[in-house]
Amino acid sequence: MISDRTRVKICGLTRTQDLDAAVAAGADAIGLVFYPPSRRCLTLDQAAALRARVPAFVGVTALFVNPDAQAVRQVIEVVRPDLLQFHGEESPDFCAAFGARHMKAFRVGAPGLDTAAALARACSAHGQAAGWLFDSYSAGYGGSGSGFDTALLAEVPRGAGAPALILSGGMKAETVGGQIAALAPFAVDVSSGVESAPGIKDPARIQAFMRAVRAADAARTAA
């Protein structure tokens, strides 16, 4: 799926003021993390309070890394996210087991995902996903601020009917425009690139990121 307007998800929100800043800047979606080792991980109560503050037409994504099924069901029941994001080594059957829309993340460059052909095969196995998110390979499952070799996306299926292509990993205002120009993703996903500290978003960095995305979209439309 390719679009003339790049959607933006701001992930790893932990505070109401950061949520408000993301919404005010025009984010299309926000992400709430349910991965205990992460410094951005939320309790169910924290997540429910943030979710209740999200206005209409802003999506809420719940991020998991190799969770057990009961943990996912609890988040669905209490937080009621619009989309599930599976960021580990979850199987296609597991991702589809909850009767909810989901996207699958791939850590580009990880063992078994280190060639264009292997990455394309992994994506095709998750054809039921609403989106494929591409992140950098790191020990911490995201939030590292590192990029990846985008040439490995060369064989990922695109076009009408294909899951949305979402770029993550190393995103920040200074680099996102080049990524949009090169790959025309459906959406970009940023976390550490708009933070002053892990889990603490910076309103000025959020605004700068959104301006960079809009400028890149305008340049692409004018070309």
Protein backbone atom coordinates (compact mmCIF):
# COMPACT_ATOMS: atom_id res chain seq x y z
CA MET A 1 0.00 0.00 0.00
CA ILE A 2 1.38 3.42 -1.02
CA SER A 3 -0.11 6.78 -0.07
CA ASP A 4 0.60 10.43 -0.93
CA ARG A 5 0.38 11.31 2.77
CA THR A 6 2.69 9.67 5.26
CA ARG A 7 0.94 8.71 8.46
CA VAL A 8 2.79 9.14 11.77
CA LYS A 9 2.70 7.00 14.89
CA ILE A 10 4.44 8.24 18.02
CA CYS A 11 5.26 5.26 20.19
CA GLY A 12 6.27 4.68 23.77
CA LEU A 13 4.10 7.33 25.40
CA THR A 14 4.12 7.31 29.19
CA ARG A 15 2.72 10.71 30.27
CA THR A 16 -0.47 12.65 29.61
CA GLN A 17 1.44 15.77 28.56
CA ASP A 18 3.31 13.77 25.94
CA LEU A 19 0.07 12.33 24.63
CA ASP A 20 -1.38 15.83 24.41
CA ALA A 21 1.71 17.06 22.56
CA ALA A 22 1.51 14.22 20.05
CA VAL A 23 -2.17 14.85 19.38
CA ALA A 24 -1.67 18.61 19.10
CA ALA A 25 1.13 18.10 16.57
CA GLY A 26 -1.14 15.98 14.37
CA ALA A 27 -0.03 12.41 15.05
CA ASP A 28 -2.29 9.83 13.43
CA ALA A 29 -1.64 7.21 16.08
CA ILE A 30 0.07 6.69 19.41
CA GLY A 31 1.72 3.57 20.77
CA LEU A 32 1.53 2.10 24.27
CA VAL A 33 4.20 -0.42 25.27
CA PHE A 34 3.46 -3.64 27.17
CA TYR A 35 6.96 -5.16 27.21
CA PRO A 36 8.20 -5.31 30.83
CA PRO A 37 11.95 -4.87 30.10
CA SER A 38 11.25 -1.59 28.30
CA ARG A 39 11.62 1.68 30.18
CA ARG A 40 8.45 2.76 28.35
CA CYS A 41 6.33 -0.14 29.64
CA LEU A 42 2.97 0.75 31.17
CA THR A 43 0.73 -0.90 33.72
CA LEU A 44 -2.83 -1.62 32.66
CA ASP A 45 -4.08 1.27 34.79
CA GLN A 46 -1.58 3.72 33.31
CA ALA A 47 -2.44 2.62 29.79
CA ALA A 48 -6.19 2.82 30.39
CA ALA A 49 -5.84 6.38 31.69
CA LEU A 50 -3.87 7.44 28.62
CA ARG A 51 -6.24 5.63 26.27
CA ALA A 52 -9.23 7.44 27.77
CA ARG A 53 -7.59 10.76 26.89
CA VAL A 54 -7.13 9.95 23.18
CA PRO A 55 -9.60 11.88 20.99
CA ALA A 56 -11.60 10.51 18.08
CA PHE A 57 -9.70 9.76 14.86
CA VAL A 58 -6.38 9.15 16.64
CA GLY A 59 -5.51 5.46 16.73
CA VAL A 60 -4.16 3.57 19.73
CA THR A 61 -1.66 0.74 19.23
CA ALA A 62 -0.66 -1.77 21.92
CA LEU A 63 2.88 -3.10 21.49
CA PHE A 64 3.92 -6.56 22.69
CA VAL A 65 7.11 -8.59 22.46
CA ASN A 66 6.66 -12.38 22.60
CA PRO A 67 3.76 -12.09 25.08
CA ASP A 68 1.63 -14.85 26.51
CA ALA A 69 -1.91 -14.88 25.18
CA GLN A 70 -3.51 -13.96 28.50
CA ALA A 71 -1.47 -10.75 28.72
CA VAL A 72 -2.72 -9.73 25.29
CA ARG A 73 -6.32 -10.51 26.21
CA GLN A 74 -6.04 -8.41 29.38
CA VAL A 75 -4.80 -5.40 27.40
CA ILE A 76 -7.59 -5.82 24.85
CA GLU A 77 -10.20 -5.98 27.63
CA VAL A 78 -8.90 -3.08 29.75
CA VAL A 79 -7.26 -0.72 27.23
CA ARG A 80 -9.27 -1.53 24.08
CA PRO A 81 -6.57 -0.62 21.56
CA ASP A 82 -7.42 -0.12 17.90
CA LEU A 83 -4.44 -2.17 16.74
CA LEU A 84 -2.08 -4.77 18.20
CA GLN A 85 1.62 -4.60 17.35
CA PHE A 86 3.69 -7.75 17.69
CA HIS A 87 7.37 -6.86 17.86
CA GLY A 88 8.98 -10.21 18.65
CA GLU A 89 9.10 -13.62 17.01
CA GLU A 90 5.36 -14.27 17.19
CA SER A 91 3.92 -16.73 14.68
CA PRO A 92 1.26 -15.72 12.14
CA ASP A 93 -1.29 -17.91 13.94
CA PHE A 94 -0.55 -16.28 17.30
CA CYS A 95 -0.87 -12.77 15.87
CA ALA A 96 -4.23 -13.61 14.30
CA ALA A 97 -5.62 -15.43 17.33
CA PHE A 98 -7.22 -12.47 19.10
CA GLY A 99 -9.84 -11.40 16.58
CA ALA A 100 -8.22 -7.95 16.42
CA ARG A 101 -6.41 -6.02 13.71
CA HIS A 102 -2.66 -6.24 14.08
CA MET A 103 0.64 -5.32 12.52
CA LYS A 104 3.82 -7.37 12.59
CA ALA A 105 7.23 -5.85 13.20
CA PHE A 106 10.40 -7.23 11.63
CA ARG A 107 13.87 -6.52 13.00
CA VAL A 108 15.70 -5.99 9.75
CA GLY A 109 19.13 -7.61 9.73
CA ALA A 110 18.37 -10.14 12.45
CA PRO A 111 19.38 -13.75 11.80
CA GLY A 112 16.95 -15.06 9.20
CA LEU A 113 15.97 -11.52 8.20
CA ASP A 114 19.34 -10.48 6.83
CA THR A 115 18.66 -10.80 3.09
CA ALA A 116 16.00 -9.18 0.93
CA ALA A 117 14.57 -12.56 -0.05
CA ALA A 118 14.37 -13.82 3.54
CA LEU A 119 12.68 -10.65 4.71
CA ALA A 120 10.14 -10.83 1.90
CA ARG A 121 9.33 -14.45 2.80
CA ALA A 122 8.80 -13.50 6.44
CA CYS A 123 6.46 -10.70 5.42
CA SER A 124 4.45 -12.97 3.14
CA ALA A 125 3.97 -15.44 6.00
CA HIS A 126 2.27 -12.60 7.90
CA GLY A 127 -0.04 -11.66 5.06
CA GLN A 128 -3.01 -11.29 7.41
CA ALA A 129 -1.43 -8.27 9.09
CA ALA A 130 -2.81 -4.79 8.50
CA GLY A 131 0.76 -3.51 8.32
CA TRP A 132 4.39 -4.60 8.27
CA LEU A 133 6.68 -2.49 10.44
CA PHE A 134 10.41 -2.52 9.78
CA ASP A 135 12.72 -1.76 12.70
CA SER A 136 16.43 -2.09 13.30
CA TYR A 137 17.90 -5.24 14.81
CA SER A 138 18.97 -4.68 18.41
CA ALA A 139 18.94 -6.62 21.65
CA GLY A 140 16.26 -4.38 23.13
CA TYR A 141 13.43 -4.92 20.61
CA GLY A 142 13.08 -1.32 19.44
CA GLY A 143 13.66 2.10 20.93
CA SER A 144 17.40 1.92 20.18
CA GLY A 145 17.51 4.93 17.88
CA SER A 146 19.47 2.91 15.32
CA GLY A 147 18.65 2.61 11.64
CA PHE A 148 18.98 -0.34 9.25
CA ASP A 149 19.92 -1.11 5.64
CA THR A 150 16.79 -0.16 3.71
CA ALA A 151 18.08 -2.06 0.66
CA LEU A 152 16.83 -5.19 2.44
CA LEU A 153 13.25 -4.02 1.78
CA ALA A 154 13.72 -4.32 -1.99
CA GLU A 155 11.62 -7.48 -2.37
CA VAL A 156 8.89 -6.70 0.18
CA PRO A 157 5.50 -6.85 -1.62
CA ARG A 158 3.89 -3.46 -2.16
CA GLY A 159 0.87 -2.04 -3.89
CA ALA A 160 -2.91 -2.43 -3.73
CA GLY A 161 -3.96 -5.13 -1.29
CA ALA A 162 -0.57 -5.47 0.40
CA PRO A 163 -0.21 -4.65 4.10
CA ALA A 164 0.89 -1.09 4.83
CA LEU A 165 4.67 -0.55 4.87
CA ILE A 166 5.73 1.25 8.06
CA LEU A 167 9.27 2.46 8.72
CA SER A 168 10.79 2.62 12.19
CA GLY A 169 14.29 2.52 13.64
CA GLY A 170 16.47 5.59 13.86
CA MET A 171 13.66 7.96 12.92
CA LYS A 172 14.18 11.64 13.77
CA ALA A 173 13.43 15.00 12.19
CA GLU A 174 16.82 15.16 10.49
CA THR A 175 16.49 11.80 8.73
CA VAL A 176 12.80 11.06 8.16
CA GLY A 177 12.55 13.17 5.02
CA GLY A 178 15.18 11.14 3.24
CA GLN A 179 13.47 7.89 4.22
CA ILE A 180 10.14 9.14 2.89
CA ALA A 181 11.72 10.32 -0.36
CA ALA A 182 13.49 7.01 -0.89
CA LEU A 183 10.81 4.53 0.14
CA ALA A 184 7.43 6.32 0.15
CA PRO A 185 6.19 4.39 3.21
CA PHE A 186 2.55 4.38 4.21
CA ALA A 187 3.60 5.46 7.70
CA VAL A 188 6.57 6.17 9.94
CA ASP A 189 6.89 5.22 13.59
CA VAL A 190 9.06 7.24 15.98
CA SER A 191 9.90 6.79 19.65
CA SER A 192 13.40 7.69 20.88
CA GLY A 193 13.82 10.23 18.08
CA VAL A 194 11.36 12.60 19.78
CA GLU A 195 12.53 12.03 23.35
CA SER A 196 14.66 13.94 25.82
CA ALA A 197 15.03 10.74 27.89
CA PRO A 198 13.62 7.21 27.52
CA GLY A 199 9.84 7.48 27.73
CA ILE A 200 9.93 11.28 28.07
CA LYS A 201 8.80 12.98 24.87
CA ASP A 202 9.93 16.48 23.89
CA PRO A 203 7.14 18.62 22.39
CA ALA A 204 9.61 20.60 20.28
CA ARG A 205 11.09 17.41 18.82
CA ILE A 206 7.61 16.07 18.12
CA GLN A 207 6.70 19.26 16.26
CA ALA A 208 9.98 19.25 14.32
CA PHE A 209 9.40 15.64 13.32
CA MET A 210 5.89 16.36 12.10
CA ARG A 211 7.12 19.38 10.10
CA ALA A 212 9.79 17.23 8.47
CA VAL A 213 7.22 14.61 7.47
CA ARG A 214 4.89 17.21 5.99
CA ALA A 215 7.76 18.85 4.09
CA ALA A 216 8.81 15.51 2.65
CA ASP A 217 5.25 14.75 1.57
CA ALA A 218 4.95 18.15 -0.09
CA ALA A 219 8.20 17.63 -1.97
CA ARG A 220 7.14 14.17 -3.10
CA THR A 221 3.75 15.46 -4.33
CA ALA A 222 5.36 18.33 -6.20
CA ALA A 223 7.94 16.14 -7.94
